[in-house]
Amino acid sequence: MTTEFFMAMEPPTCTHQEKQVAVIKGKTVFYDPPEVAAARQKLEAHLAGHRPPKRFERGIQLVVKWCFPRGRHRDGEYRTTRPDTDNLQKLLKDCMTAVGFWKDDALVASEIVEKFWAEIPGIYIRIEELA
Protein backbone atom coordinates (compact mmCIF):
# COMPACT_ATOMS: atom_id res chain seq x y z
CA MET A 1 0.00 0.00 0.00
CA THR A 2 1.25 3.50 -0.86
CA THR A 3 -0.20 6.89 0.03
CA GLU A 4 1.09 10.14 -1.50
CA PHE A 5 -0.18 13.70 -1.14
CA PHE A 6 0.76 17.38 -0.89
CA MET A 7 -0.72 19.67 1.74
CA ALA A 8 -0.62 23.25 0.46
CA MET A 9 0.00 25.30 3.60
CA GLU A 10 2.63 27.34 5.34
CA PRO A 11 4.46 24.65 7.35
CA PRO A 12 4.71 25.33 11.07
CA THR A 13 8.17 26.30 12.29
CA CYS A 14 7.60 25.57 15.98
CA THR A 15 8.40 22.00 16.93
CA HIS A 16 7.80 19.21 19.40
CA GLN A 17 11.16 20.18 20.94
CA GLU A 18 9.53 23.30 22.40
CA LYS A 19 7.45 21.46 25.01
CA GLN A 20 7.29 23.22 28.36
CA VAL A 21 7.73 21.75 31.84
CA ALA A 22 5.90 22.74 35.00
CA VAL A 23 5.87 21.32 38.50
CA ILE A 24 2.32 21.18 39.85
CA LYS A 25 1.77 19.90 43.39
CA GLY A 26 5.15 18.18 43.29
CA LYS A 27 4.52 16.44 39.94
CA THR A 28 6.40 17.23 36.74
CA VAL A 29 4.01 17.99 33.89
CA PHE A 30 4.95 18.45 30.22
CA TYR A 31 2.67 20.60 28.08
CA ASP A 32 2.57 22.24 24.66
CA PRO A 33 2.94 26.02 24.64
CA PRO A 34 0.20 27.79 22.63
CA GLU A 35 2.33 27.95 19.44
CA VAL A 36 2.97 24.19 19.45
CA ALA A 37 -0.67 23.42 20.26
CA ALA A 38 -1.72 25.59 17.29
CA ALA A 39 0.81 23.87 15.00
CA ARG A 40 -0.43 20.45 16.15
CA GLN A 41 -4.05 21.46 15.47
CA LYS A 42 -3.15 22.85 12.02
CA LEU A 43 -1.24 19.70 11.01
CA GLU A 44 -3.94 17.34 12.26
CA ALA A 45 -6.64 19.28 10.38
CA HIS A 46 -4.68 19.10 7.11
CA LEU A 47 -3.69 15.45 7.61
CA ALA A 48 -7.26 14.33 8.36
CA GLY A 49 -8.25 14.87 4.72
CA HIS A 50 -5.50 12.49 3.57
CA ARG A 51 -5.89 9.68 6.12
CA PRO A 52 -5.76 6.33 4.33
CA PRO A 53 -8.91 4.19 4.43
CA LYS A 54 -6.95 1.54 6.36
CA ARG A 55 -4.14 2.13 8.87
CA PHE A 56 -0.64 1.05 7.94
CA GLU A 57 0.21 -2.07 9.94
CA ARG A 58 3.59 -3.11 8.53
CA GLY A 59 6.96 -1.38 8.32
CA ILE A 60 6.95 1.71 6.14
CA GLN A 61 9.18 4.20 4.40
CA LEU A 62 8.19 7.81 5.05
CA VAL A 63 9.28 10.51 2.61
CA VAL A 64 8.62 14.12 3.63
CA LYS A 65 9.56 17.31 1.80
CA TRP A 66 9.02 20.45 3.83
CA CYS A 67 8.47 23.42 1.48
CA PHE A 68 8.76 26.79 3.22
CA PRO A 69 7.81 30.15 1.64
CA ARG A 70 10.85 31.13 -0.38
CA GLY A 71 11.09 34.87 0.32
CA ARG A 72 14.48 35.97 -1.10
CA HIS A 73 15.61 32.39 -1.76
CA ARG A 74 15.49 30.49 -5.03
CA ASP A 75 12.60 28.08 -5.56
CA GLY A 76 13.86 24.59 -4.68
CA GLU A 77 16.93 25.78 -2.74
CA TYR A 78 17.63 23.67 0.35
CA ARG A 79 16.75 25.34 3.64
CA THR A 80 19.76 25.04 5.95
CA THR A 81 18.38 27.02 8.88
CA ARG A 82 16.16 26.08 11.82
CA PRO A 83 13.92 24.29 12.49
CA ASP A 84 15.85 21.03 12.44
CA THR A 85 14.33 18.23 10.35
CA ASP A 86 14.27 15.77 13.26
CA ASN A 87 12.19 18.16 15.36
CA LEU A 88 9.80 18.87 12.47
CA GLN A 89 9.37 15.14 11.88
CA LYS A 90 8.58 14.34 15.52
CA LEU A 91 5.58 16.66 15.61
CA LEU A 92 4.41 15.50 12.16
CA LYS A 93 4.62 11.80 13.05
CA ASP A 94 2.83 12.39 16.37
CA CYS A 95 0.02 14.12 14.45
CA MET A 96 -0.11 11.31 11.88
CA THR A 97 -0.47 8.81 14.72
CA ALA A 98 -3.26 10.87 16.33
CA VAL A 99 -5.14 11.14 13.02
CA GLY A 100 -4.91 7.39 12.35
CA PHE A 101 -2.28 6.82 9.65
CA TRP A 102 -0.82 4.00 11.77
CA LYS A 103 -1.08 2.64 15.31
CA ASP A 104 2.46 3.66 16.24
CA ASP A 105 5.13 5.68 14.43
CA ALA A 106 7.61 2.93 15.35
CA LEU A 107 6.46 1.39 12.03
CA VAL A 108 8.58 4.03 10.26
CA ALA A 109 11.67 1.96 9.44
CA SER A 110 13.00 4.19 6.66
CA GLU A 111 12.78 7.96 6.55
CA ILE A 112 13.79 10.53 3.94
CA VAL A 113 13.37 14.15 5.01
CA GLU A 114 14.26 17.31 3.12
CA LYS A 115 13.44 20.97 3.62
CA PHE A 116 13.38 23.57 0.88
CA TRP A 117 12.48 27.15 0.11
CA ALA A 118 9.59 26.94 -2.35
CA GLU A 119 7.32 29.08 -4.47
CA ILE A 120 4.38 26.94 -3.33
CA PRO A 121 4.68 26.25 0.42
CA GLY A 122 3.43 23.01 1.88
CA ILE A 123 4.35 19.50 2.93
CA TYR A 124 4.74 16.60 0.48
CA ILE A 125 4.31 13.16 2.06
CA ARG A 126 4.71 9.67 0.62
CA ILE A 127 4.19 6.56 2.72
CA GLU A 128 5.06 3.18 1.27
CA GLU A 129 4.79 -0.21 2.92
CA LEU A 130 8.09 -2.08 2.96
CA ALA A 131 8.22 -5.56 1.46
C-alpha atoms as a PDB file:
ATOM      1  CA  MET A   1       0.000   0.000   0.000  1.00  0.00           C
ATOM      2  CA  THR A   2       1.247   3.499  -0.863  1.00  0.00           C
ATOM      3  CA  THR A   3      -0.196   6.892   0.032  1.00  0.00           C
ATOM      4  CA  GLU A   4       1.092  10.136  -1.496  1.00  0.00           C
ATOM      5  CA  PHE A   5      -0.183  13.698  -1.136  1.00  0.00           C
ATOM      6  CA  PHE A   6       0.759  17.381  -0.895  1.00  0.00           C
ATOM      7  CA  MET A   7      -0.722  19.669   1.743  1.00  0.00           C
ATOM      8  CA  ALA A   8      -0.623  23.247   0.457  1.00  0.00           C
ATOM      9  CA  MET A   9      -0.003  25.296   3.595  1.00  0.00           C
ATOM     10  CA  GLU A  10       2.633  27.337   5.343  1.00  0.00           C
ATOM     11  CA  PRO A  11       4.462  24.646   7.352  1.00  0.00           C
ATOM     12  CA  PRO A  12       4.707  25.330  11.070  1.00  0.00           C
ATOM     13  CA  THR A  13       8.171  26.305  12.291  1.00  0.00           C
ATOM     14  CA  CYS A  14       7.602  25.566  15.976  1.00  0.00           C
ATOM     15  CA  THR A  15       8.401  22.002  16.926  1.00  0.00           C
ATOM     16  CA  HIS A  16       7.800  19.210  19.403  1.00  0.00           C
ATOM     17  CA  GLN A  17      11.157  20.182  20.943  1.00  0.00           C
ATOM     18  CA  GLU A  18       9.532  23.302  22.395  1.00  0.00           C
ATOM     19  CA  LYS A  19       7.452  21.461  25.007  1.00  0.00           C
ATOM     20  CA  GLN A  20       7.293  23.221  28.362  1.00  0.00           C
ATOM     21  CA  VAL A  21       7.731  21.753  31.836  1.00  0.00           C
ATOM     22  CA  ALA A  22       5.901  22.739  34.996  1.00  0.00           C
ATOM     23  CA  VAL A  23       5.869  21.322  38.497  1.00  0.00           C
ATOM     24  CA  ILE A  24       2.325  21.181  39.853  1.00  0.00           C
ATOM     25  CA  LYS A  25       1.768  19.904  43.390  1.00  0.00           C
ATOM     26  CA  GLY A  26       5.153  18.178  43.286  1.00  0.00           C
ATOM     27  CA  LYS A  27       4.518  16.443  39.938  1.00  0.00           C
ATOM     28  CA  THR A  28       6.402  17.229  36.742  1.00  0.00           C
ATOM     29  CA  VAL A  29       4.007  17.986  33.894  1.00  0.00           C
ATOM     30  CA  PHE A  30       4.947  18.452  30.224  1.00  0.00           C
ATOM     31  CA  TYR A  31       2.674  20.603  28.077  1.00  0.00           C
ATOM     32  CA  ASP A  32       2.570  22.242  24.663  1.00  0.00           C
ATOM     33  CA  PRO A  33       2.943  26.019  24.643  1.00  0.00           C
ATOM     34  CA  PRO A  34       0.196  27.787  22.631  1.00  0.00           C
ATOM     35  CA  GLU A  35       2.330  27.953  19.442  1.00  0.00           C
ATOM     36  CA  VAL A  36       2.974  24.194  19.452  1.00  0.00           C
ATOM     37  CA  ALA A  37      -0.669  23.419  20.258  1.00  0.00           C
ATOM     38  CA  ALA A  38      -1.724  25.589  17.291  1.00  0.00           C
ATOM     39  CA  ALA A  39       0.813  23.868  15.004  1.00  0.00           C
ATOM     40  CA  ARG A  40      -0.432  20.445  16.146  1.00  0.00           C
ATOM     41  CA  GLN A  41      -4.051  21.456  15.467  1.00  0.00           C
ATOM     42  CA  LYS A  42      -3.152  22.848  12.024  1.00  0.00           C
ATOM     43  CA  LEU A  43      -1.236  19.699  11.013  1.00  0.00           C
ATOM     44  CA  GLU A  44      -3.938  17.338  12.260  1.00  0.00           C
ATOM     45  CA  ALA A  45      -6.639  19.285  10.378  1.00  0.00           C
ATOM     46  CA  HIS A  46      -4.684  19.100   7.105  1.00  0.00           C
ATOM     47  CA  LEU A  47      -3.692  15.448   7.609  1.00  0.00           C
ATOM     48  CA  ALA A  48      -7.263  14.330   8.364  1.00  0.00           C
ATOM     49  CA  GLY A  49      -8.247  14.867   4.723  1.00  0.00           C
ATOM     50  CA  HIS A  50      -5.500  12.486   3.573  1.00  0.00           C
ATOM     51  CA  ARG A  51      -5.892   9.678   6.119  1.00  0.00           C
ATOM     52  CA  PRO A  52      -5.761   6.329   4.326  1.00  0.00           C
ATOM     53  CA  PRO A  53      -8.905   4.186   4.428  1.00  0.00           C
ATOM     54  CA  LYS A  54      -6.949   1.536   6.364  1.00  0.00           C
ATOM     55  CA  ARG A  55      -4.140   2.132   8.871  1.00  0.00           C
ATOM     56  CA  PHE A  56      -0.638   1.051   7.937  1.00  0.00           C
ATOM     57  CA  GLU A  57       0.212  -2.073   9.941  1.00  0.00           C
ATOM     58  CA  ARG A  58       3.594  -3.109   8.531  1.00  0.00           C
ATOM     59  CA  GLY A  59       6.962  -1.381   8.316  1.00  0.00           C
ATOM     60  CA  ILE A  60       6.949   1.709   6.138  1.00  0.00           C
ATOM     61  CA  GLN A  61       9.181   4.205   4.404  1.00  0.00           C
ATOM     62  CA  LEU A  62       8.185   7.809   5.051  1.00  0.00           C
ATOM     63  CA  VAL A  63       9.281  10.514   2.611  1.00  0.00           C
ATOM     64  CA  VAL A  64       8.621  14.122   3.632  1.00  0.00           C
ATOM     65  CA  LYS A  65       9.564  17.306   1.803  1.00  0.00           C
ATOM     66  CA  TRP A  66       9.022  20.453   3.831  1.00  0.00           C
ATOM     67  CA  CYS A  67       8.472  23.420   1.479  1.00  0.00           C
ATOM     68  CA  PHE A  68       8.765  26.788   3.220  1.00  0.00           C
ATOM     69  CA  PRO A  69       7.807  30.151   1.636  1.00  0.00           C
ATOM     70  CA  ARG A  70      10.854  31.135  -0.384  1.00  0.00           C
ATOM     71  CA  GLY A  71      11.089  34.871   0.319  1.00  0.00           C
ATOM     72  CA  ARG A  72      14.484  35.966  -1.101  1.00  0.00           C
ATOM     73  CA  HIS A  73      15.613  32.394  -1.762  1.00  0.00           C
ATOM     74  CA  ARG A  74      15.485  30.491  -5.029  1.00  0.00           C
ATOM     75  CA  ASP A  75      12.604  28.076  -5.560  1.00  0.00           C
ATOM     76  CA  GLY A  76      13.864  24.588  -4.676  1.00  0.00           C
ATOM     77  CA  GLU A  77      16.927  25.784  -2.736  1.00  0.00           C
ATOM     78  CA  TYR A  78      17.633  23.669   0.345  1.00  0.00           C
ATOM     79  CA  ARG A  79      16.752  25.337   3.642  1.00  0.00           C
ATOM     80  CA  THR A  80      19.758  25.044   5.953  1.00  0.00           C
ATOM     81  CA  THR A  81      18.378  27.019   8.879  1.00  0.00           C
ATOM     82  CA  ARG A  82      16.165  26.084  11.817  1.00  0.00           C
ATOM     83  CA  PRO A  83      13.917  24.295  12.488  1.00  0.00           C
ATOM     84  CA  ASP A  84      15.849  21.030  12.440  1.00  0.00           C
ATOM     85  CA  THR A  85      14.331  18.232  10.349  1.00  0.00           C
ATOM     86  CA  ASP A  86      14.271  15.771  13.260  1.00  0.00           C
ATOM     87  CA  ASN A  87      12.193  18.158  15.358  1.00  0.00           C
ATOM     88  CA  LEU A  88       9.800  18.874  12.472  1.00  0.00           C
ATOM     89  CA  GLN A  89       9.367  15.144  11.883  1.00  0.00           C
ATOM     90  CA  LYS A  90       8.583  14.344  15.515  1.00  0.00           C
ATOM     91  CA  LEU A  91       5.584  16.659  15.608  1.00  0.00           C
ATOM     92  CA  LEU A  92       4.405  15.504  12.164  1.00  0.00           C
ATOM     93  CA  LYS A  93       4.624  11.798  13.054  1.00  0.00           C
ATOM     94  CA  ASP A  94       2.832  12.390  16.366  1.00  0.00           C
ATOM     95  CA  CYS A  95       0.023  14.120  14.450  1.00  0.00           C
ATOM     96  CA  MET A  96      -0.107  11.313  11.878  1.00  0.00           C
ATOM     97  CA  THR A  97      -0.469   8.809  14.722  1.00  0.00           C
ATOM     98  CA  ALA A  98      -3.257  10.867  16.326  1.00  0.00           C
ATOM     99  CA  VAL A  99      -5.143  11.145  13.018  1.00  0.00           C
ATOM    100  CA  GLY A 100      -4.909   7.394  12.346  1.00  0.00           C
ATOM    101  CA  PHE A 101      -2.284   6.816   9.651  1.00  0.00           C
ATOM    102  CA  TRP A 102      -0.815   3.996  11.772  1.00  0.00           C
ATOM    103  CA  LYS A 103      -1.083   2.642  15.308  1.00  0.00           C
ATOM    104  CA  ASP A 104       2.464   3.658  16.238  1.00  0.00           C
ATOM    105  CA  ASP A 105       5.128   5.681  14.428  1.00  0.00           C
ATOM    106  CA  ALA A 106       7.606   2.933  15.352  1.00  0.00           C
ATOM    107  CA  LEU A 107       6.456   1.395  12.032  1.00  0.00           C
ATOM    108  CA  VAL A 108       8.579   4.034  10.265  1.00  0.00           C
ATOM    109  CA  ALA A 109      11.675   1.962   9.440  1.00  0.00           C
ATOM    110  CA  SER A 110      13.000   4.194   6.655  1.00  0.00           C
ATOM    111  CA  GLU A 111      12.776   7.962   6.553  1.00  0.00           C
ATOM    112  CA  ILE A 112      13.790  10.526   3.942  1.00  0.00           C
ATOM    113  CA  VAL A 113      13.365  14.148   5.006  1.00  0.00           C
ATOM    114  CA  GLU A 114      14.262  17.309   3.115  1.00  0.00           C
ATOM    115  CA  LYS A 115      13.437  20.965   3.621  1.00  0.00           C
ATOM    116  CA  PHE A 116      13.380  23.567   0.881  1.00  0.00           C
ATOM    117  CA  TRP A 117      12.484  27.146   0.105  1.00  0.00           C
ATOM    118  CA  ALA A 118       9.595  26.941  -2.353  1.00  0.00           C
ATOM    119  CA  GLU A 119       7.324  29.084  -4.475  1.00  0.00           C
ATOM    120  CA  ILE A 120       4.380  26.944  -3.332  1.00  0.00           C
ATOM    121  CA  PRO A 121       4.680  26.254   0.415  1.00  0.00           C
ATOM    122  CA  GLY A 122       3.431  23.011   1.875  1.00  0.00           C
ATOM    123  CA  ILE A 123       4.350  19.498   2.931  1.00  0.00           C
ATOM    124  CA  TYR A 124       4.743  16.605   0.484  1.00  0.00           C
ATOM    125  CA  ILE A 125       4.308  13.162   2.062  1.00  0.00           C
ATOM    126  CA  ARG A 126       4.712   9.674   0.615  1.00  0.00           C
ATOM    127  CA  ILE A 127       4.187   6.559   2.723  1.00  0.00           C
ATOM    128  CA  GLU A 128       5.064   3.184   1.267  1.00  0.00           C
ATOM    129  CA  GLU A 129       4.792  -0.212   2.916  1.00  0.00           C
ATOM    130  CA  LEU A 130       8.086  -2.080   2.956  1.00  0.00           C
ATOM    131  CA  ALA A 131       8.222  -5.561   1.456  1.00  0.00           C
END
